[in-house]
C-alpha cells in the first residue's frame, strides 16, 4: 500500500504483517459495533418512542454495547439518531435508484419509482416508520447538512434517470423538487398513513392504482 514502510529483516517483517493483520481485523468489528447500535436504536425508536422510551440508556441496554462506545462512534444520542436517519434514507433511495436506473421507457421509469417506494415500505416497515417520524424529532436540524450531503448523490441518481425523458418531451419539464413532489409526494403520504394504521390504506391496492395516476400527472 502507498505509504507503508518497508521492513528490514524477517522479525520486523513478521511483526509488520501481524500488526497489519490486527488493524484489518478491527475494521469489521468497528462496523459491527456501529451497526448493532444503529439496529438497536431503530428497534427502541419504533417500540418505545410513543412512551418516551427512546433514550440513550435504552439503546445501550438493547444493544449490549457500552455507553462509551456509543459516544465514541456517534458523539451523542442525537448523532446516533442522525446516523440512523442517514442510513435509513440511503437504503430507501438506493432501492429506488436500483429500480429505475436502467429502465428505458418513461412510463415504466415512473412506475418503477412508485413501486420501489411502496415495496420498500412493505418490506422494511420499521425503517420506513423511522423515516417518516424522524423529521418531527429534534436531532435533524443540527445534522441536516451532513445528511443532505449523503442524500444528494442518491437523489441525483433518481433525477438523472428521469432527465432523458424530460429532455425527450415525454415527462413534464419542471424543477427537480417539483417533479419529485409529483411522483414521490403521493407515495410518501400513502406510506405514512399505512404506517400509522389509517383505515382504507392498502399497499397492494396502492401498487395497482397509483403508478398509472402518477404517470398521468407527470407525462408531458
Foldseek 3Di string as FASTA:
>chain_A
DPPDDDDDDDVRVVVVVVVVVVVVVVVVVLVVLLVLLLVLLLVQCVPPVVVVRNDLVSSCVSSVHDSVSVCVVQVHSLSSLLVSLLVLLVVLLVQLLVQQQPDDDQLSNLLSNLLSNLVCCVVCVSSLQSNVPVVVDDSCPVCVVVSCVSCVVSLVSSVVSCVVCCVVQFWPDDPSVVLCCLRCVVSSVLSNCVSVVPPPRDSVVCSVPVSVVSSVVTTD
